[in-house]
Amino acid sequence: MGKLNAAAAAKIEEICNRHKDDKTPLMMILSDIQNEYGYIPLEVQELVSEKTGISVAEIYGVVTFYSFFSLTPKGKYVIGCCLGTACYVKGAQQVIDKFCELLKINPGETTEDGLFTIDALRCIGACGIAPAVSINGKVYPKMSVSQVSEVISQYLAAEGKEAQA
């Protein structure tokens, strides 16, 4: 988003106005902004504060508390690796490590080309199919280290790119 342009500011104002009559509008406003832009930088938090009267400190606290919200842009494909107990004991740490190794990023980071972000998640409620990985809502059950390269290759192929060794 960079500097907040007039169109973005107008859209954020429209989102704030949409929820002005809600009893507790902040979560709905932030959720709508996250869905629209993919992240909620400080400039946007300041505008929301101005429009709602909620302090920037409170808004920042909510944005940083909930893992759904992000202060930075996420990749086109967000890889959520569950590290909850059931997934962890079935090898989830090795799976996320392999994603990190192949994509050359750490959890919470995005690849330079903006395609992939890796998120370490606490529990996605898929304990029966552990270890579970989700990519933009699609769940990959019983993920193994040996499957990681193929999964990445599928998304790269969809972008017309080849996996690099």
Protein backbone atom coordinates (compact mmCIF):
# COMPACT_ATOMS: atom_id res chain seq x y z
CA MET A 1 0.00 0.00 0.00
CA GLY A 2 2.96 2.35 0.69
CA LYS A 3 1.81 5.92 1.13
CA LEU A 4 -1.93 6.07 1.54
CA ASN A 5 -3.39 7.33 -1.74
CA ALA A 6 -6.74 9.08 -2.02
CA ALA A 7 -8.59 6.00 -3.32
CA ALA A 8 -7.30 3.82 -0.47
CA ALA A 9 -8.13 6.50 2.10
CA ALA A 10 -11.66 6.78 0.69
CA LYS A 11 -12.12 3.00 0.78
CA ILE A 12 -10.91 2.83 4.41
CA GLU A 13 -13.24 5.69 5.33
CA GLU A 14 -16.10 3.81 3.65
CA ILE A 15 -15.23 0.69 5.69
CA CYS A 16 -15.20 2.73 8.91
CA ASN A 17 -18.55 4.32 8.04
CA ARG A 18 -20.04 0.90 7.25
CA HIS A 19 -19.43 -0.16 10.86
CA LYS A 20 -20.06 3.15 12.66
CA ASP A 21 -23.30 1.91 14.22
CA ASP A 22 -21.82 -1.39 15.43
CA LYS A 23 -21.48 -1.69 19.19
CA THR A 24 -17.80 -2.72 18.92
CA PRO A 25 -16.71 -1.88 15.37
CA LEU A 26 -12.92 -2.24 15.56
CA MET A 27 -12.62 -5.95 14.78
CA MET A 28 -15.02 -5.67 11.84
CA ILE A 29 -13.23 -2.62 10.46
CA LEU A 30 -9.80 -4.22 10.77
CA SER A 31 -11.06 -7.49 9.31
CA ASP A 32 -12.53 -5.72 6.28
CA ILE A 33 -9.31 -3.74 5.76
CA GLN A 34 -7.19 -6.90 6.09
CA ASN A 35 -9.41 -8.66 3.54
CA GLU A 36 -9.25 -5.69 1.16
CA TYR A 37 -5.52 -4.96 1.29
CA GLY A 38 -3.87 -7.97 2.93
CA TYR A 39 -2.27 -5.97 5.73
CA ILE A 40 -2.80 -3.02 8.07
CA PRO A 41 0.18 -0.63 8.19
CA LEU A 42 0.55 2.23 10.67
CA GLU A 43 -0.80 4.85 8.23
CA VAL A 44 -4.04 2.89 7.98
CA GLN A 45 -4.24 2.49 11.75
CA GLU A 46 -3.86 6.25 12.11
CA LEU A 47 -6.69 6.87 9.64
CA VAL A 48 -8.93 4.36 11.43
CA SER A 49 -8.13 6.12 14.70
CA GLU A 50 -9.04 9.48 13.20
CA LYS A 51 -12.34 8.15 11.81
CA THR A 52 -13.41 6.13 14.87
CA GLY A 53 -11.91 7.97 17.83
CA ILE A 54 -10.20 4.75 18.94
CA SER A 55 -6.58 5.35 19.94
CA VAL A 56 -3.78 4.18 17.65
CA ALA A 57 -2.34 2.31 20.65
CA GLU A 58 -5.54 0.27 21.04
CA ILE A 59 -5.74 -0.41 17.30
CA TYR A 60 -2.07 -1.44 17.18
CA GLY A 61 -2.64 -3.71 20.17
CA VAL A 62 -5.46 -5.52 18.37
CA VAL A 63 -3.53 -5.77 15.08
CA THR A 64 -0.49 -7.26 16.79
CA PHE A 65 -2.43 -9.54 19.15
CA TYR A 66 -4.46 -11.44 16.55
CA SER A 67 -2.43 -13.54 14.11
CA PHE A 68 -5.03 -12.97 11.35
CA PHE A 69 -3.93 -9.35 11.07
CA SER A 70 -0.60 -8.35 9.57
CA LEU A 71 1.48 -5.17 9.64
CA THR A 72 3.28 -6.14 6.43
CA PRO A 73 2.11 -7.43 3.06
CA LYS A 74 1.68 -11.18 2.75
CA GLY A 75 2.53 -13.27 -0.27
CA LYS A 76 0.02 -14.37 -2.87
CA TYR A 77 0.17 -17.83 -1.28
CA VAL A 78 0.15 -17.93 2.51
CA ILE A 79 1.49 -21.24 3.77
CA GLY A 80 0.17 -21.92 7.25
CA CYS A 81 2.07 -24.71 8.97
CA CYS A 82 0.30 -25.98 12.06
CA LEU A 83 2.63 -26.46 15.01
CA GLY A 84 -0.06 -27.47 17.48
CA THR A 85 0.68 -30.49 19.67
CA ALA A 86 -0.81 -33.19 17.39
CA CYS A 87 0.92 -31.79 14.30
CA TYR A 88 4.17 -31.15 16.13
CA VAL A 89 4.53 -34.71 17.41
CA LYS A 90 3.90 -36.00 13.89
CA GLY A 91 6.73 -33.97 12.34
CA ALA A 92 5.32 -30.51 11.65
CA GLN A 93 8.56 -28.79 12.67
CA GLN A 94 10.46 -30.68 9.99
CA VAL A 95 7.78 -29.78 7.44
CA ILE A 96 7.94 -26.04 8.18
CA ASP A 97 11.75 -26.25 8.20
CA LYS A 98 11.64 -27.76 4.69
CA PHE A 99 9.31 -25.01 3.41
CA CYS A 100 11.71 -22.43 4.90
CA GLU A 101 14.75 -24.11 3.37
CA LEU A 102 13.27 -24.38 -0.12
CA LEU A 103 11.75 -20.89 -0.16
CA LYS A 104 14.75 -19.33 1.62
CA ILE A 105 12.61 -17.47 4.16
CA ASN A 106 11.72 -17.84 7.83
CA PRO A 107 8.25 -18.04 9.38
CA GLY A 108 6.55 -14.66 9.17
CA GLU A 109 8.53 -13.66 6.07
CA THR A 110 7.58 -13.32 2.41
CA THR A 111 9.67 -14.34 -0.58
CA GLU A 112 11.25 -11.52 -2.59
CA ASP A 113 8.93 -12.19 -5.54
CA GLY A 114 5.90 -11.74 -3.26
CA LEU A 115 4.56 -15.23 -4.00
CA PHE A 116 4.92 -17.03 -0.67
CA THR A 117 4.60 -16.21 3.02
CA ILE A 118 5.18 -18.84 5.69
CA ASP A 119 3.19 -18.61 8.91
CA ALA A 120 3.72 -20.84 11.93
CA LEU A 121 0.27 -21.51 13.36
CA ARG A 122 -0.58 -22.85 16.82
CA CYS A 123 -3.56 -25.06 15.92
CA ILE A 124 -5.83 -25.14 12.91
CA GLY A 125 -8.20 -27.75 14.32
CA ALA A 126 -7.06 -30.50 11.97
CA CYS A 127 -5.53 -32.80 14.60
CA GLY A 128 -6.94 -35.95 12.99
CA ILE A 129 -4.99 -35.29 9.78
CA ALA A 130 -1.75 -34.12 11.40
CA PRO A 131 0.59 -32.71 10.38
CA ALA A 132 -1.59 -30.25 8.50
CA VAL A 133 -0.61 -27.36 6.26
CA SER A 134 -3.01 -24.83 4.75
CA ILE A 135 -2.30 -22.69 1.72
CA ASN A 136 -4.85 -19.93 1.16
CA GLY A 137 -7.48 -22.06 2.89
CA LYS A 138 -6.71 -25.34 1.09
CA VAL A 139 -5.69 -27.94 3.67
CA TYR A 140 -2.96 -30.47 2.95
CA PRO A 141 -3.43 -33.43 5.32
CA LYS A 142 -0.68 -35.65 6.71
CA MET A 143 2.01 -33.49 5.10
CA SER A 144 5.46 -35.01 4.96
CA VAL A 145 8.84 -33.43 4.31
CA SER A 146 9.05 -35.35 1.03
CA GLN A 147 5.82 -33.69 -0.22
CA VAL A 148 6.92 -30.09 0.37
CA SER A 149 8.89 -29.68 -2.86
CA GLU A 150 5.99 -30.98 -4.97
CA VAL A 151 3.49 -28.65 -3.27
CA ILE A 152 5.72 -25.63 -3.93
CA SER A 153 6.23 -26.78 -7.54
CA GLN A 154 2.45 -26.90 -8.08
CA TYR A 155 2.07 -23.25 -7.06
CA LEU A 156 5.10 -22.18 -9.08
CA ALA A 157 3.69 -23.99 -12.13
CA ALA A 158 0.42 -22.10 -11.68
CA GLU A 159 2.51 -18.92 -11.91
CA GLY A 160 4.38 -20.16 -14.98
CA LYS A 161 7.59 -20.55 -12.99
CA GLU A 162 9.85 -23.50 -12.29
CA ALA A 163 11.16 -24.57 -8.93
CA GLN A 164 14.80 -23.76 -8.32
CA ALA A 165 17.04 -26.36 -6.72
